[in-house]
């Protein structure tokens, strides 16, 4: 197992502390956010030909004791994506955020026909198949881009996890902006590909008809 620490332009002692351990450290010259840090980490996993990549947030919420639970389904079963579910246990989330999370769950079920109990949970594991095939773009809402690109095409599993309250830092997430991003992602990664596929099929058929008519004349 390798540990990759992405130091996202931190202004504390993250880099100095991480250097004391046998870990691979990647540093961003300036702070770019969680999505950018995750992309950097996954890109490193791809270059290192990792079999599984497990993502843990660095704010003290994710307990490494669940690592084997996330890795096992990918190694032993036909699972390519594992995501944590904190709602299997009691989790002290304010009512507004909990409502928004449930609303997102309903959104995914309505449009993707897949139930994601905790769509904002950052504790995730990805198989090498996903690491090598999917390119992620967003640096703001990567967690949701990941769901739109993975859930419709790959087998996934939820793992119940107890998540601690945030120990360090604070979220810059604005829920209104977040939902706007989700809708835009839905259009970009779900609607557009379907339109493109249908258009391609229609154009292909039209091209064949035209070619047939030319040959007949």
Protein backbone atom coordinates (compact mmCIF):
# COMPACT_ATOMS: atom_id res chain seq x y z
CA UNK A 1 0.00 0.00 0.00
CA UNK A 2 1.21 3.48 -0.88
CA UNK A 3 0.09 6.69 0.79
CA UNK A 4 -0.08 9.82 -1.34
CA UNK A 5 -0.40 13.15 0.46
CA UNK A 6 -1.52 16.06 -1.71
CA UNK A 7 -0.46 19.28 0.00
CA UNK A 8 -2.89 21.74 -1.55
CA UNK A 9 -0.94 24.93 -0.96
CA UNK A 10 -1.30 24.61 2.80
CA UNK A 11 -0.09 27.36 5.14
CA UNK A 12 0.33 25.12 8.18
CA UNK A 13 2.90 22.39 8.87
CA UNK A 14 1.32 19.73 6.62
CA UNK A 15 4.40 19.32 4.45
CA UNK A 16 6.87 19.30 7.36
CA UNK A 17 4.85 16.68 9.24
CA UNK A 18 4.26 14.49 6.17
CA UNK A 19 7.99 14.43 5.40
CA UNK A 20 8.58 12.49 8.63
CA UNK A 21 6.72 9.49 7.23
CA UNK A 22 7.18 7.06 4.36
CA UNK A 23 4.64 8.75 2.08
CA UNK A 24 4.69 10.25 -1.40
CA UNK A 25 4.05 14.01 -1.18
CA UNK A 26 2.74 16.15 -4.02
CA UNK A 27 2.58 19.91 -3.47
CA UNK A 28 0.38 22.50 -5.15
CA UNK A 29 2.07 25.93 -5.21
CA UNK A 30 -1.24 27.53 -4.21
CA UNK A 31 -4.54 26.36 -2.75
CA UNK A 32 -6.85 25.05 -5.48
CA UNK A 33 -9.46 23.13 -3.48
CA UNK A 34 -10.48 19.57 -2.70
CA UNK A 35 -11.41 18.66 -6.28
CA UNK A 36 -8.02 19.72 -7.66
CA UNK A 37 -6.20 17.85 -4.89
CA UNK A 38 -8.23 14.70 -5.61
CA UNK A 39 -7.52 14.94 -9.34
CA UNK A 40 -3.80 15.28 -8.62
CA UNK A 41 -3.89 12.23 -6.36
CA UNK A 42 -5.79 10.11 -8.90
CA UNK A 43 -3.43 11.16 -11.69
CA UNK A 44 -0.54 9.97 -9.54
CA UNK A 45 -2.34 6.65 -8.95
CA UNK A 46 -2.73 6.25 -12.70
CA UNK A 47 0.98 6.84 -13.31
CA UNK A 48 1.82 4.34 -10.57
CA UNK A 49 -0.52 1.67 -12.02
CA UNK A 50 -2.43 1.31 -8.76
CA UNK A 51 -5.00 -1.48 -8.50
CA UNK A 52 -7.26 0.54 -6.19
CA UNK A 53 -7.30 4.18 -5.09
CA UNK A 54 -9.00 5.12 -1.82
CA UNK A 55 -9.77 8.79 -1.23
CA UNK A 56 -9.76 10.14 2.32
CA UNK A 57 -10.40 13.79 3.16
CA UNK A 58 -7.71 15.41 5.26
CA UNK A 59 -9.95 17.24 7.74
CA UNK A 60 -10.08 14.43 10.30
CA UNK A 61 -13.52 13.13 9.33
CA UNK A 62 -12.50 9.86 7.66
CA UNK A 63 -11.22 6.99 9.78
CA UNK A 64 -8.59 4.81 8.02
CA UNK A 65 -9.96 1.76 9.89
CA UNK A 66 -12.42 1.30 7.00
CA UNK A 67 -9.72 1.00 4.33
CA UNK A 68 -9.98 -2.79 4.02
CA UNK A 69 -13.80 -2.53 3.76
CA UNK A 70 -13.41 -0.23 0.77
CA UNK A 71 -10.67 -2.24 -0.92
CA UNK A 72 -12.12 -5.75 -0.48
CA UNK A 73 -15.18 -5.42 -2.81
CA UNK A 74 -12.96 -4.18 -5.64
CA UNK A 75 -10.31 -6.86 -5.20
CA UNK A 76 -12.68 -9.79 -4.60
CA UNK A 77 -15.95 -8.86 -6.37
CA UNK A 78 -17.06 -7.24 -9.60
CA UNK A 79 -17.20 -3.80 -7.98
CA UNK A 80 -15.43 -0.79 -9.48
CA UNK A 81 -16.58 2.01 -7.17
CA UNK A 82 -17.21 2.13 -3.42
CA UNK A 83 -18.69 5.10 -1.58
CA UNK A 84 -19.25 5.67 2.13
CA UNK A 85 -22.69 6.04 3.69
CA UNK A 86 -22.69 7.94 7.00
CA UNK A 87 -26.48 7.76 7.38
CA UNK A 88 -26.40 4.09 8.38
CA UNK A 89 -25.18 5.43 11.71
CA UNK A 90 -26.24 8.53 13.60
CA UNK A 91 -24.56 11.53 12.03
CA UNK A 92 -25.03 15.01 13.44
CA UNK A 93 -25.76 16.98 10.27
CA UNK A 94 -27.92 20.09 10.41
CA UNK A 95 -31.45 19.67 9.06
CA UNK A 96 -30.92 21.90 6.01
CA UNK A 97 -27.84 20.02 4.79
CA UNK A 98 -29.48 16.67 5.49
CA UNK A 99 -32.54 17.71 3.47
CA UNK A 100 -30.31 18.81 0.58
CA UNK A 101 -28.46 15.48 0.69
CA UNK A 102 -31.74 13.57 0.55
CA UNK A 103 -32.89 15.80 -2.30
CA UNK A 104 -29.73 14.91 -4.22
CA UNK A 105 -30.37 11.21 -3.53
CA UNK A 106 -33.85 11.59 -5.05
CA UNK A 107 -32.36 13.47 -8.02
CA UNK A 108 -29.91 10.68 -8.82
CA UNK A 109 -32.57 8.00 -8.42
CA UNK A 110 -35.00 9.90 -10.66
CA UNK A 111 -32.57 10.46 -13.53
CA UNK A 112 -29.98 7.68 -13.19
CA UNK A 113 -32.20 5.03 -11.59
CA UNK A 114 -29.49 4.40 -9.02
CA UNK A 115 -29.76 4.98 -5.27
CA UNK A 116 -26.89 6.92 -3.73
CA UNK A 117 -27.68 7.29 -0.04
CA UNK A 118 -24.92 9.78 0.73
CA UNK A 119 -23.91 11.54 -2.51
CA UNK A 120 -21.63 14.11 -0.86
CA UNK A 121 -19.60 11.54 1.06
CA UNK A 122 -15.94 11.97 0.12
CA UNK A 123 -14.78 8.56 1.40
CA UNK A 124 -14.48 6.62 -1.87
CA UNK A 125 -12.56 3.85 -3.62
CA UNK A 126 -12.00 3.47 -7.36
CA UNK A 127 -10.78 0.47 -9.35
CA UNK A 128 -7.90 0.68 -11.82
CA UNK A 129 -10.48 0.40 -14.61
CA UNK A 130 -12.03 3.73 -13.59
CA UNK A 131 -8.68 5.35 -12.82
CA UNK A 132 -7.40 4.55 -16.30
CA UNK A 133 -10.55 5.19 -18.34
CA UNK A 134 -12.20 8.27 -16.84
CA UNK A 135 -10.81 11.79 -16.95
CA UNK A 136 -12.22 14.20 -14.39
CA UNK A 137 -12.47 17.90 -15.12
CA UNK A 138 -14.03 19.80 -12.23
CA UNK A 139 -12.01 21.34 -9.42
CA UNK A 140 -15.10 22.53 -7.52
CA UNK A 141 -17.67 19.72 -7.65
CA UNK A 142 -15.57 16.68 -8.47
CA UNK A 143 -17.56 14.51 -6.06
CA UNK A 144 -20.69 14.95 -8.18
CA UNK A 145 -18.92 14.77 -11.56
CA UNK A 146 -17.54 11.46 -10.36
CA UNK A 147 -21.05 10.13 -9.68
CA UNK A 148 -22.43 11.23 -13.07
CA UNK A 149 -19.56 9.56 -14.91
CA UNK A 150 -19.29 6.38 -12.83
CA UNK A 151 -22.71 5.38 -11.51
CA UNK A 152 -24.48 4.77 -14.87
CA UNK A 153 -21.70 2.55 -16.26
CA UNK A 154 -19.97 0.73 -13.39
CA UNK A 155 -20.94 -1.54 -10.52
CA UNK A 156 -20.79 0.22 -7.17
CA UNK A 157 -21.35 -0.48 -3.51
CA UNK A 158 -22.06 1.59 -0.40
CA UNK A 159 -20.13 1.00 2.81
CA UNK A 160 -21.54 2.19 6.15
CA UNK A 161 -19.00 4.47 7.84
CA UNK A 162 -18.98 6.51 11.01
CA UNK A 163 -17.79 9.99 10.12
CA UNK A 164 -16.44 12.41 12.70
CA UNK A 165 -17.34 16.05 12.72
CA UNK A 166 -14.81 18.22 10.91
CA UNK A 167 -11.76 18.76 13.14
CA UNK A 168 -9.79 21.18 11.00
CA UNK A 169 -10.65 23.88 8.46
CA UNK A 170 -14.10 24.70 7.16
CA UNK A 171 -16.09 24.11 4.01
CA UNK A 172 -16.29 26.79 1.34
CA UNK A 173 -19.30 25.03 -0.14
CA UNK A 174 -22.32 27.20 -0.92
CA UNK A 175 -25.33 24.96 -1.39
CA UNK A 176 -27.07 27.22 -3.91
CA UNK A 177 -23.96 27.26 -6.12
CA UNK A 178 -23.48 23.55 -5.52
CA UNK A 179 -26.94 22.63 -6.82
CA UNK A 180 -26.42 24.89 -9.83
CA UNK A 181 -23.22 22.98 -10.58
CA UNK A 182 -25.01 19.65 -10.23
CA UNK A 183 -27.66 20.65 -12.76
CA UNK A 184 -24.98 21.84 -15.18
CA UNK A 185 -23.07 18.58 -14.69
CA UNK A 186 -26.25 16.62 -15.32
CA UNK A 187 -26.73 18.41 -18.64
CA UNK A 188 -23.07 18.12 -19.63
CA UNK A 189 -22.31 14.55 -18.57
CA UNK A 190 -25.73 12.88 -18.93
CA UNK A 191 -27.92 14.79 -21.41
CA UNK A 192 -25.28 15.85 -23.93
CA UNK A 193 -23.74 12.36 -24.33
CA UNK A 194 -27.21 10.94 -25.05
CA UNK A 195 -27.93 13.67 -27.62
CA UNK A 196 -24.53 13.08 -29.20
CA UNK A 197 -25.14 9.32 -29.38
CA UNK A 198 -28.59 9.75 -30.94
CA UNK A 199 -27.29 12.36 -33.39
CA UNK A 200 -24.43 10.10 -34.36
CA UNK A 201 -26.79 7.20 -35.03
CA UNK A 202 -29.13 9.37 -37.10
CA UNK A 203 -26.32 10.92 -39.10
CA UNK A 204 -24.77 7.54 -39.64
CA UNK A 205 -28.07 6.19 -40.96
CA UNK A 206 -28.57 9.23 -43.17
CA UNK A 207 -25.06 8.87 -44.53
CA UNK A 208 -25.67 5.22 -45.36
CA UNK A 209 -28.90 6.09 -47.19
CA UNK A 210 -27.15 8.80 -49.20
CA UNK A 211 -24.32 6.47 -50.08
CA UNK A 212 -26.86 3.84 -51.16
CA UNK A 213 -28.64 6.32 -53.40
CA UNK A 214 -25.37 7.39 -55.00
CA UNK A 215 -24.45 3.79 -55.71
CA UNK A 216 -27.87 3.12 -57.27
CA UNK A 217 -27.50 6.06 -59.67
